[in-house]
Amino acid sequence: MVPCKKCGNKFPSYSLKLDLDEKMVICPECIKNKKLHTEIQEEVFHKQALKAPVINKPVIEQKSNKIAHKCTSCGYKFKIDSETGKPKNCPYCNARVMGY
């Protein structure tokens, strides 16, 4: 059992995940609470955006060059930039990415 770096509750080490936003290893409960928090924020900001006057701005489209990848060693899901091929290693277990 390992304590979560965010809430301090103890969980099995295999259930903890690296959160790049928090820059620490956190438990599934903190991840779930983070998702709920972002969903609430999106809902609130979406409602505020509907109330705000619409201003025509030129839209710049950015193509996403990232490819979803699942680590063959630990199963962690992350994205790899198809142009640069980075990250070269899994952000969770540091296993080498062989192909994507």
C-alpha atoms as a PDB file:
ATOM      1  CA  MET A   1       0.000   0.000   0.000  1.00  0.00           C
ATOM      2  CA  VAL A   2       1.326   3.388  -1.040  1.00  0.00           C
ATOM      3  CA  PRO A   3      -0.046   6.821  -0.019  1.00  0.00           C
ATOM      4  CA  CYS A   4      -1.467   9.065  -2.745  1.00  0.00           C
ATOM      5  CA  LYS A   5       0.651  12.213  -3.068  1.00  0.00           C
ATOM      6  CA  LYS A   6      -2.470  14.391  -3.370  1.00  0.00           C
ATOM      7  CA  CYS A   7      -4.964  13.095  -0.784  1.00  0.00           C
ATOM      8  CA  GLY A   8      -2.738  10.903   1.409  1.00  0.00           C
ATOM      9  CA  ASN A   9      -5.039   7.842   1.297  1.00  0.00           C
ATOM     10  CA  LYS A  10      -3.316   4.486   0.843  1.00  0.00           C
ATOM     11  CA  PHE A  11      -3.861   2.463  -2.350  1.00  0.00           C
ATOM     12  CA  PRO A  12      -2.126  -0.490  -4.016  1.00  0.00           C
ATOM     13  CA  SER A  13       0.850   0.771  -5.992  1.00  0.00           C
ATOM     14  CA  TYR A  14      -0.466  -0.695  -9.281  1.00  0.00           C
ATOM     15  CA  SER A  15      -3.579   1.524  -9.105  1.00  0.00           C
ATOM     16  CA  LEU A  16      -1.676   4.825  -8.859  1.00  0.00           C
ATOM     17  CA  LYS A  17      -1.139   6.816 -12.075  1.00  0.00           C
ATOM     18  CA  LEU A  18       1.184   9.649 -13.050  1.00  0.00           C
ATOM     19  CA  ASP A  19      -0.793  12.848 -13.582  1.00  0.00           C
ATOM     20  CA  LEU A  20       1.114  15.221 -15.832  1.00  0.00           C
ATOM     21  CA  ASP A  21      -1.023  18.229 -14.820  1.00  0.00           C
ATOM     22  CA  GLU A  22      -0.403  17.663 -11.119  1.00  0.00           C
ATOM     23  CA  LYS A  23       3.169  16.408 -11.769  1.00  0.00           C
ATOM     24  CA  MET A  24       2.748  13.623  -9.213  1.00  0.00           C
ATOM     25  CA  VAL A  25       1.477  10.083  -8.802  1.00  0.00           C
ATOM     26  CA  ILE A  26      -2.164  10.130  -7.677  1.00  0.00           C
ATOM     27  CA  CYS A  27      -4.874   7.603  -6.829  1.00  0.00           C
ATOM     28  CA  PRO A  28      -7.924   6.662  -8.930  1.00  0.00           C
ATOM     29  CA  GLU A  29     -10.194   8.675  -6.614  1.00  0.00           C
ATOM     30  CA  CYS A  30      -8.215  11.883  -7.219  1.00  0.00           C
ATOM     31  CA  ILE A  31      -8.255  11.199 -10.976  1.00  0.00           C
ATOM     32  CA  LYS A  32     -12.043  10.710 -10.866  1.00  0.00           C
ATOM     33  CA  ASN A  33     -12.496  13.912  -8.843  1.00  0.00           C
ATOM     34  CA  LYS A  34     -10.282  15.771 -11.323  1.00  0.00           C
ATOM     35  CA  LYS A  35     -12.457  14.591 -14.229  1.00  0.00           C
ATOM     36  CA  LEU A  36     -15.615  15.664 -12.404  1.00  0.00           C
ATOM     37  CA  HIS A  37     -14.054  19.052 -11.675  1.00  0.00           C
ATOM     38  CA  THR A  38     -13.118  19.619 -15.330  1.00  0.00           C
ATOM     39  CA  GLU A  39     -16.595  18.543 -16.491  1.00  0.00           C
ATOM     40  CA  ILE A  40     -18.179  21.055 -14.111  1.00  0.00           C
ATOM     41  CA  GLN A  41     -15.806  23.783 -15.277  1.00  0.00           C
ATOM     42  CA  GLU A  42     -16.602  23.061 -18.922  1.00  0.00           C
ATOM     43  CA  GLU A  43     -20.317  23.202 -18.197  1.00  0.00           C
ATOM     44  CA  VAL A  44     -20.002  26.506 -16.305  1.00  0.00           C
ATOM     45  CA  PHE A  45     -17.729  28.116 -18.900  1.00  0.00           C
ATOM     46  CA  HIS A  46     -19.939  26.873 -21.740  1.00  0.00           C
ATOM     47  CA  LYS A  47     -22.968  28.542 -20.141  1.00  0.00           C
ATOM     48  CA  GLN A  48     -20.992  31.767 -19.652  1.00  0.00           C
ATOM     49  CA  ALA A  49     -19.836  31.643 -23.269  1.00  0.00           C
ATOM     50  CA  LEU A  50     -23.441  31.387 -24.443  1.00  0.00           C
ATOM     51  CA  LYS A  51     -24.322  34.547 -22.495  1.00  0.00           C
ATOM     52  CA  ALA A  52     -21.351  36.518 -23.825  1.00  0.00           C
ATOM     53  CA  PRO A  53     -21.746  38.442 -27.098  1.00  0.00           C
ATOM     54  CA  VAL A  54     -20.350  36.729 -30.161  1.00  0.00           C
ATOM     55  CA  ILE A  55     -17.306  38.429 -31.674  1.00  0.00           C
ATOM     56  CA  ASN A  56     -16.164  37.285 -35.094  1.00  0.00           C
ATOM     57  CA  LYS A  57     -12.519  36.359 -34.924  1.00  0.00           C
ATOM     58  CA  PRO A  58     -10.546  34.495 -37.559  1.00  0.00           C
ATOM     59  CA  VAL A  59     -10.330  30.835 -36.679  1.00  0.00           C
ATOM     60  CA  ILE A  60      -6.912  29.246 -36.918  1.00  0.00           C
ATOM     61  CA  GLU A  61      -7.140  25.498 -37.288  1.00  0.00           C
ATOM     62  CA  GLN A  62      -4.393  23.439 -35.765  1.00  0.00           C
ATOM     63  CA  LYS A  63      -4.088  19.874 -36.878  1.00  0.00           C
ATOM     64  CA  SER A  64      -3.383  17.416 -34.133  1.00  0.00           C
ATOM     65  CA  ASN A  65      -0.311  15.391 -35.008  1.00  0.00           C
ATOM     66  CA  LYS A  66      -0.609  13.215 -31.923  1.00  0.00           C
ATOM     67  CA  ILE A  67      -1.309   9.503 -32.030  1.00  0.00           C
ATOM     68  CA  ALA A  68      -2.852   7.587 -29.143  1.00  0.00           C
ATOM     69  CA  HIS A  69      -0.556   4.894 -27.772  1.00  0.00           C
ATOM     70  CA  LYS A  70      -0.807   2.273 -25.025  1.00  0.00           C
ATOM     71  CA  CYS A  71       2.391   1.136 -23.339  1.00  0.00           C
ATOM     72  CA  THR A  72       3.051  -2.565 -23.886  1.00  0.00           C
ATOM     73  CA  SER A  73       4.756  -2.859 -20.484  1.00  0.00           C
ATOM     74  CA  CYS A  74       2.349  -1.148 -18.075  1.00  0.00           C
ATOM     75  CA  GLY A  75      -0.748  -0.352 -20.176  1.00  0.00           C
ATOM     76  CA  TYR A  76      -0.547   3.419 -19.593  1.00  0.00           C
ATOM     77  CA  LYS A  77      -2.312   5.404 -22.338  1.00  0.00           C
ATOM     78  CA  PHE A  78      -0.645   8.525 -23.703  1.00  0.00           C
ATOM     79  CA  LYS A  79      -0.147  10.390 -26.984  1.00  0.00           C
ATOM     80  CA  ILE A  80       2.909  10.482 -29.223  1.00  0.00           C
ATOM     81  CA  ASP A  81       3.673  13.343 -31.609  1.00  0.00           C
ATOM     82  CA  SER A  82       3.813  11.762 -35.068  1.00  0.00           C
ATOM     83  CA  GLU A  83       6.251  14.364 -36.433  1.00  0.00           C
ATOM     84  CA  THR A  84       8.858  14.257 -33.673  1.00  0.00           C
ATOM     85  CA  GLY A  85       8.139  10.766 -32.326  1.00  0.00           C
ATOM     86  CA  LYS A  86       8.291  12.065 -28.761  1.00  0.00           C
ATOM     87  CA  PRO A  87       8.030  10.885 -26.065  1.00  0.00           C
ATOM     88  CA  LYS A  88      10.487   8.080 -26.749  1.00  0.00           C
ATOM     89  CA  ASN A  89       9.708   6.429 -23.382  1.00  0.00           C
ATOM     90  CA  CYS A  90       6.489   5.758 -21.480  1.00  0.00           C
ATOM     91  CA  PRO A  91       5.843   8.661 -19.068  1.00  0.00           C
ATOM     92  CA  TYR A  92       4.624   6.205 -16.412  1.00  0.00           C
ATOM     93  CA  CYS A  93       7.087   3.304 -16.395  1.00  0.00           C
ATOM     94  CA  ASN A  94       9.874   4.707 -18.623  1.00  0.00           C
ATOM     95  CA  ALA A  95       9.738   1.688 -20.966  1.00  0.00           C
ATOM     96  CA  ARG A  96      11.031   2.368 -24.478  1.00  0.00           C
ATOM     97  CA  VAL A  97       8.337   2.993 -27.124  1.00  0.00           C
ATOM     98  CA  MET A  98       9.120   0.516 -29.885  1.00  0.00           C
ATOM     99  CA  GLY A  99       6.490   1.561 -32.427  1.00  0.00           C
ATOM    100  CA  TYR A 100       3.272   3.489 -32.768  1.00  0.00           C
END
